[in-house]
PDB file of N, CA and C in Angstrom:
ATOM      1  N   MET A   1    -170.303-146.180  57.753  1.00  0.00           N
ATOM      2  CA  MET A   1    -170.718-145.594  56.434  1.00  0.00           C
ATOM      3  C   MET A   1    -169.563-144.647  55.995  1.00  0.00           C
ATOM      4  N   LEU A   2    -168.949-144.792  54.879  1.00  0.00           N
ATOM      5  CA  LEU A   2    -167.913-143.887  54.366  1.00  0.00           C
ATOM      6  C   LEU A   2    -168.390-143.118  53.115  1.00  0.00           C
ATOM      7  N   ALA A   3    -167.891-142.012  52.989  1.00  0.00           N
ATOM      8  CA  ALA A   3    -168.006-141.100  51.666  1.00  0.00           C
ATOM      9  C   ALA A   3    -166.988-141.557  50.627  1.00  0.00           C
ATOM     10  N   GLY A   4    -167.135-140.752  49.677  1.00  0.00           N
ATOM     11  CA  GLY A   4    -166.332-141.199  48.465  1.00  0.00           C
ATOM     12  C   GLY A   4    -164.953-140.979  48.589  1.00  0.00           C
ATOM     13  N   GLY A   5    -164.340-140.336  49.536  1.00  0.00           N
ATOM     14  CA  GLY A   5    -162.926-140.068  49.729  1.00  0.00           C
ATOM     15  C   GLY A   5    -162.237-139.555  48.374  1.00  0.00           C
ATOM     16  N   GLY A   6    -163.002-138.650  47.641  1.00  0.00           N
ATOM     17  CA  GLY A   6    -162.485-138.022  46.536  1.00  0.00           C
ATOM     18  C   GLY A   6    -162.042-138.972  45.358  1.00  0.00           C
ATOM     19  N   GLY A   7    -162.741-140.027  45.438  1.00  0.00           N
ATOM     20  CA  GLY A   7    -162.641-141.177  44.243  1.00  0.00           C
ATOM     21  C   GLY A   7    -161.455-142.182  44.561  1.00  0.00           C
ATOM     22  N   ALA A   8    -161.060-142.001  45.888  1.00  0.00           N
ATOM     23  CA  ALA A   8    -160.006-142.853  46.340  1.00  0.00           C
ATOM     24  C   ALA A   8    -160.305-144.425  46.445  1.00  0.00           C
ATOM     25  N   PHE A   9    -161.617-144.639  46.730  1.00  0.00           N
ATOM     26  CA  PHE A   9    -162.159-145.922  46.778  1.00  0.00           C
ATOM     27  C   PHE A   9    -163.592-146.137  46.264  1.00  0.00           C
ATOM     28  N   LYS A  10    -163.985-147.124  45.824  1.00  0.00           N
ATOM     29  CA  LYS A  10    -165.356-147.505  45.054  1.00  0.00           C
ATOM     30  C   LYS A  10    -166.520-147.241  46.118  1.00  0.00           C
ATOM     31  N   THR A  11    -167.395-146.446  45.793  1.00  0.00           N
ATOM     32  CA  THR A  11    -168.688-146.342  46.625  1.00  0.00           C
ATOM     33  C   THR A  11    -169.849-147.090  46.019  1.00  0.00           C
ATOM     34  N   GLY A  12    -170.905-147.043  46.696  1.00  0.00           N
ATOM     35  CA  GLY A  12    -172.134-147.532  46.406  1.00  0.00           C
ATOM     36  C   GLY A  12    -172.184-149.100  46.539  1.00  0.00           C
ATOM     37  N   ARG A  13    -171.535-149.653  47.551  1.00  0.00           N
ATOM     38  CA  ARG A  13    -171.640-151.151  47.761  1.00  0.00           C
ATOM     39  C   ARG A  13    -171.459-151.370  49.357  1.00  0.00           C
ATOM     40  N   ALA A  14    -171.931-152.514  49.740  1.00  0.00           N
ATOM     41  CA  ALA A  14    -171.707-152.951  51.156  1.00  0.00           C
ATOM     42  C   ALA A  14    -170.703-154.065  51.069  1.00  0.00           C
ATOM     43  N   LEU A  15    -169.752-154.091  51.989  1.00  0.00           N
ATOM     44  CA  LEU A  15    -168.774-155.065  52.119  1.00  0.00           C
ATOM     45  C   LEU A  15    -168.983-155.871  53.358  1.00  0.00           C
ATOM     46  N   ASP A  16    -168.996-157.247  53.130  1.00  0.00           N
ATOM     47  CA  ASP A  16    -168.972-158.228  54.402  1.00  0.00           C
ATOM     48  C   ASP A  16    -167.688-158.805  54.485  1.00  0.00           C
ATOM     49  N   PHE A  17    -167.061-158.591  55.644  1.00  0.00           N
ATOM     50  CA  PHE A  17    -165.721-159.177  55.719  1.00  0.00           C
ATOM     51  C   PHE A  17    -165.716-160.417  56.701  1.00  0.00           C
ATOM     52  N   ARG A  18    -166.825-160.971  56.977  1.00  0.00           N
ATOM     53  CA  ARG A  18    -166.927-162.209  57.849  1.00  0.00           C
ATOM     54  C   ARG A  18    -166.199-163.276  56.865  1.00  0.00           C
ATOM     55  N   LYS A  19    -165.422-164.081  57.544  1.00  0.00           N
ATOM     56  CA  LYS A  19    -164.861-165.276  56.766  1.00  0.00           C
ATOM     57  C   LYS A  19    -165.977-166.304  56.622  1.00  0.00           C
ATOM     58  N   ASN A  20    -166.835-166.562  57.371  1.00  0.00           N
ATOM     59  CA  ASN A  20    -168.061-167.497  57.209  1.00  0.00           C
ATOM     60  C   ASN A  20    -169.186-166.794  56.936  1.00  0.00           C
ATOM     61  N   LYS A  21    -169.707-166.318  55.729  1.00  0.00           N
ATOM     62  CA  LYS A  21    -170.775-165.376  55.581  1.00  0.00           C
ATOM     63  C   LYS A  21    -172.088-165.891  56.102  1.00  0.00           C
ATOM     64  N   SER A  22    -172.150-167.222  56.340  1.00  0.00           N
ATOM     65  CA  SER A  22    -173.513-167.730  56.969  1.00  0.00           C
ATOM     66  C   SER A  22    -173.519-167.820  58.369  1.00  0.00           C
ATOM     67  N   ASP A  23    -172.487-167.345  59.106  1.00  0.00           N
ATOM     68  CA  ASP A  23    -172.226-167.496  60.412  1.00  0.00           C
ATOM     69  C   ASP A  23    -172.233-166.057  61.087  1.00  0.00           C
ATOM     70  N   ASP A  24    -173.515-165.536  61.717  1.00  0.00           N
ATOM     71  CA  ASP A  24    -173.496-164.221  62.185  1.00  0.00           C
ATOM     72  C   ASP A  24    -172.722-163.985  63.459  1.00  0.00           C
ATOM     73  N   SER A  25    -172.088-165.011  64.038  1.00  0.00           N
ATOM     74  CA  SER A  25    -171.222-164.917  65.259  1.00  0.00           C
ATOM     75  C   SER A  25    -169.749-164.821  64.706  1.00  0.00           C
ATOM     76  N   ASP A  26    -169.467-164.996  63.473  1.00  0.00           N
ATOM     77  CA  ASP A  26    -168.057-164.847  62.894  1.00  0.00           C
ATOM     78  C   ASP A  26    -167.721-163.332  63.053  1.00  0.00           C
ATOM     79  N   PRO A  27    -166.571-163.006  63.816  1.00  0.00           N
ATOM     80  CA  PRO A  27    -166.221-161.706  63.788  1.00  0.00           C
ATOM     81  C   PRO A  27    -165.541-161.022  62.628  1.00  0.00           C
ATOM     82  N   GLY A  28    -164.981-162.018  61.708  1.00  0.00           N
ATOM     83  CA  GLY A  28    -164.427-161.554  60.481  1.00  0.00           C
ATOM     84  C   GLY A  28    -163.150-160.749  60.784  1.00  0.00           C
ATOM     85  N   ILE A  29    -162.916-159.977  59.724  1.00  0.00           N
ATOM     86  CA  ILE A  29    -161.573-159.134  59.781  1.00  0.00           C
ATOM     87  C   ILE A  29    -161.724-157.980  60.793  1.00  0.00           C
ATOM     88  N   SER A  30    -160.543-157.786  61.477  1.00  0.00           N
ATOM     89  CA  SER A  30    -160.547-156.842  62.622  1.00  0.00           C
ATOM     90  C   SER A  30    -160.827-155.457  62.172  1.00  0.00           C
ATOM     91  N   HIS A  31    -161.557-154.732  62.867  1.00  0.00           N
ATOM     92  CA  HIS A  31    -162.024-153.285  62.624  1.00  0.00           C
ATOM     93  C   HIS A  31    -160.712-152.432  62.485  1.00  0.00           C
ATOM     94  N   SER A  32    -159.716-152.797  63.161  1.00  0.00           N
ATOM     95  CA  SER A  32    -158.336-152.038  63.027  1.00  0.00           C
ATOM     96  C   SER A  32    -157.911-152.200  61.536  1.00  0.00           C
ATOM     97  N   ASN A  33    -158.157-153.230  60.874  1.00  0.00           N
ATOM     98  CA  ASN A  33    -157.653-153.310  59.600  1.00  0.00           C
ATOM     99  C   ASN A  33    -158.430-152.331  58.705  1.00  0.00           C
ATOM    100  N   LEU A  34    -159.626-152.046  58.918  1.00  0.00           N
ATOM    101  CA  LEU A  34    -160.445-150.971  58.179  1.00  0.00           C
ATOM    102  C   LEU A  34    -159.794-149.637  58.534  1.00  0.00           C
ATOM    103  N   LEU A  35    -159.606-149.415  59.729  1.00  0.00           N
ATOM    104  CA  LEU A  35    -159.047-148.078  60.196  1.00  0.00           C
ATOM    105  C   LEU A  35    -157.615-147.783  59.574  1.00  0.00           C
ATOM    106  N   VAL A  36    -156.787-148.802  59.462  1.00  0.00           N
ATOM    107  CA  VAL A  36    -155.425-148.734  58.945  1.00  0.00           C
ATOM    108  C   VAL A  36    -155.694-148.281  57.390  1.00  0.00           C
ATOM    109  N   SER A  37    -156.587-149.039  56.820  1.00  0.00           N
ATOM    110  CA  SER A  37    -156.942-148.746  55.482  1.00  0.00           C
ATOM    111  C   SER A  37    -157.283-147.408  55.063  1.00  0.00           C
ATOM    112  N   ILE A  38    -158.179-146.861  55.988  1.00  0.00           N
ATOM    113  CA  ILE A  38    -158.573-145.408  55.911  1.00  0.00           C
ATOM    114  C   ILE A  38    -157.453-144.590  56.138  1.00  0.00           C
ATOM    115  N   MET A  39    -156.654-144.742  57.050  1.00  0.00           N
ATOM    116  CA  MET A  39    -155.317-143.881  57.416  1.00  0.00           C
ATOM    117  C   MET A  39    -154.406-144.052  55.985  1.00  0.00           C
ATOM    118  N   ASN A  40    -154.243-145.173  55.445  1.00  0.00           N
ATOM    119  CA  ASN A  40    -153.606-145.168  54.100  1.00  0.00           C
ATOM    120  C   ASN A  40    -154.061-144.340  53.156  1.00  0.00           C
ATOM    121  N   LEU A  41    -155.410-144.210  53.044  1.00  0.00           N
ATOM    122  CA  LEU A  41    -156.092-143.500  51.980  1.00  0.00           C
ATOM    123  C   LEU A  41    -155.839-141.982  52.135  1.00  0.00           C
ATOM    124  N   LEU A  42    -155.785-141.716  53.339  1.00  0.00           N
ATOM    125  CA  LEU A  42    -155.513-140.321  53.849  1.00  0.00           C
ATOM    126  C   LEU A  42    -153.943-139.852  53.676  1.00  0.00           C
ATOM    127  N   GLY A  43    -153.086-140.880  53.308  1.00  0.00           N
ATOM    128  CA  GLY A  43    -151.749-140.561  53.256  1.00  0.00           C
ATOM    129  C   GLY A  43    -150.824-141.079  54.314  1.00  0.00           C
ATOM    130  N   ASP A  44    -151.228-141.636  55.366  1.00  0.00           N
ATOM    131  CA  ASP A  44    -150.666-142.202  56.503  1.00  0.00           C
ATOM    132  C   ASP A  44    -150.016-143.592  55.995  1.00  0.00           C
ATOM    133  N   PRO A  45    -148.709-143.880  56.156  1.00  0.00           N
ATOM    134  CA  PRO A  45    -148.070-144.967  55.673  1.00  0.00           C
ATOM    135  C   PRO A  45    -148.034-146.124  56.707  1.00  0.00           C
ATOM    136  N   ARG A  46    -148.621-145.997  57.956  1.00  0.00           N
ATOM    137  CA  ARG A  46    -148.613-146.944  58.923  1.00  0.00           C
ATOM    138  C   ARG A  46    -149.341-148.281  58.299  1.00  0.00           C
ATOM    139  N   THR A  47    -148.812-149.459  58.740  1.00  0.00           N
ATOM    140  CA  THR A  47    -149.449-150.700  58.300  1.00  0.00           C
ATOM    141  C   THR A  47    -150.149-151.446  59.510  1.00  0.00           C
ATOM    142  N   THR A  48    -150.104-150.820  60.662  1.00  0.00           N
ATOM    143  CA  THR A  48    -150.757-151.431  61.906  1.00  0.00           C
ATOM    144  C   THR A  48    -150.924-150.276  63.023  1.00  0.00           C
ATOM    145  N   VAL A  49    -151.851-150.565  63.804  1.00  0.00           N
ATOM    146  CA  VAL A  49    -152.035-149.881  65.013  1.00  0.00           C
ATOM    147  C   VAL A  49    -151.679-150.651  66.193  1.00  0.00           C
ATOM    148  N   GLN A  50    -151.098-150.044  67.272  1.00  0.00           N
ATOM    149  CA  GLN A  50    -150.702-150.720  68.400  1.00  0.00           C
ATOM    150  C   GLN A  50    -151.060-150.130  69.695  1.00  0.00           C
ATOM    151  N   GLN A  51    -151.258-150.937  70.673  1.00  0.00           N
ATOM    152  CA  GLN A  51    -151.376-150.602  72.036  1.00  0.00           C
ATOM    153  C   GLN A  51    -150.659-151.449  73.006  1.00  0.00           C
ATOM    154  N   ASP A  52    -149.866-150.789  73.819  1.00  0.00           N
ATOM    155  CA  ASP A  52    -148.875-151.670  74.692  1.00  0.00           C
ATOM    156  C   ASP A  52    -148.042-152.532  73.956  1.00  0.00           C
ATOM    157  N   GLY A  53    -147.566-152.255  72.847  1.00  0.00           N
ATOM    158  CA  GLY A  53    -146.644-152.983  71.996  1.00  0.00           C
ATOM    159  C   GLY A  53    -147.395-154.223  71.251  1.00  0.00           C
ATOM    160  N   LYS A  54    -148.620-154.255  71.288  1.00  0.00           N
ATOM    161  CA  LYS A  54    -149.401-155.432  70.631  1.00  0.00           C
ATOM    162  C   LYS A  54    -149.993-154.850  69.390  1.00  0.00           C
ATOM    163  N   ASN A  55    -149.680-155.398  68.213  1.00  0.00           N
ATOM    164  CA  ASN A  55    -150.382-155.129  66.888  1.00  0.00           C
ATOM    165  C   ASN A  55    -151.844-155.555  66.744  1.00  0.00           C
ATOM    166  N   TYR A  56    -152.591-154.606  66.178  1.00  0.00           N
ATOM    167  CA  TYR A  56    -154.137-154.751  66.062  1.00  0.00           C
ATOM    168  C   TYR A  56    -154.453-154.682  64.556  1.00  0.00           C
ATOM    169  N   CYS A  57    -153.638-155.168  63.744  1.00  0.00           N
ATOM    170  CA  CYS A  57    -153.975-155.073  62.330  1.00  0.00           C
ATOM    171  C   CYS A  57    -153.125-156.196  61.640  1.00  0.00           C
ATOM    172  N   SER A  58    -153.741-157.164  61.016  1.00  0.00           N
ATOM    173  CA  SER A  58    -153.101-158.226  60.230  1.00  0.00           C
ATOM    174  C   SER A  58    -152.678-157.796  58.876  1.00  0.00           C
ATOM    175  N   ASP A  59    -153.561-156.803  58.198  1.00  0.00           N
ATOM    176  CA  ASP A  59    -153.376-156.554  56.902  1.00  0.00           C
ATOM    177  C   ASP A  59    -154.359-155.384  56.544  1.00  0.00           C
ATOM    178  N   PRO A  60    -154.011-154.422  55.788  1.00  0.00           N
ATOM    179  CA  PRO A  60    -155.009-153.354  55.522  1.00  0.00           C
ATOM    180  C   PRO A  60    -155.877-154.073  54.461  1.00  0.00           C
ATOM    181  N   ILE A  61    -157.062-153.427  54.262  1.00  0.00           N
ATOM    182  CA  ILE A  61    -158.119-153.964  53.377  1.00  0.00           C
ATOM    183  C   ILE A  61    -157.974-153.116  52.158  1.00  0.00           C
ATOM    184  N   THR A  62    -158.262-153.840  51.050  1.00  0.00           N
ATOM    185  CA  THR A  62    -158.275-153.014  49.703  1.00  0.00           C
ATOM    186  C   THR A  62    -159.659-152.536  49.515  1.00  0.00           C
ATOM    187  N   LEU A  63    -159.638-151.188  49.577  1.00  0.00           N
ATOM    188  CA  LEU A  63    -160.938-150.586  49.459  1.00  0.00           C
ATOM    189  C   LEU A  63    -161.323-150.021  48.008  1.00  0.00           C
ATOM    190  N   THR A  64    -160.312-150.243  47.131  1.00  0.00           N
ATOM    191  CA  THR A  64    -160.599-149.668  45.646  1.00  0.00           C
ATOM    192  C   THR A  64    -161.217-150.713  44.748  1.00  0.00           C
TER     193      THR A  64
END
């Protein structure tokens, strides 16, 4: 659950990032993509998160 972010992104909605909406086992978009998107809203310009040189974000999510 996220708060309004000072109007930085649209609230009052539920987002489903699974690629196949009818498949509950579909992992969908990486949680890291959401974290990078939140970092961007807070002014952090990074486009990925890394651990041991491996990227864990394919693309930030558009939250607006």
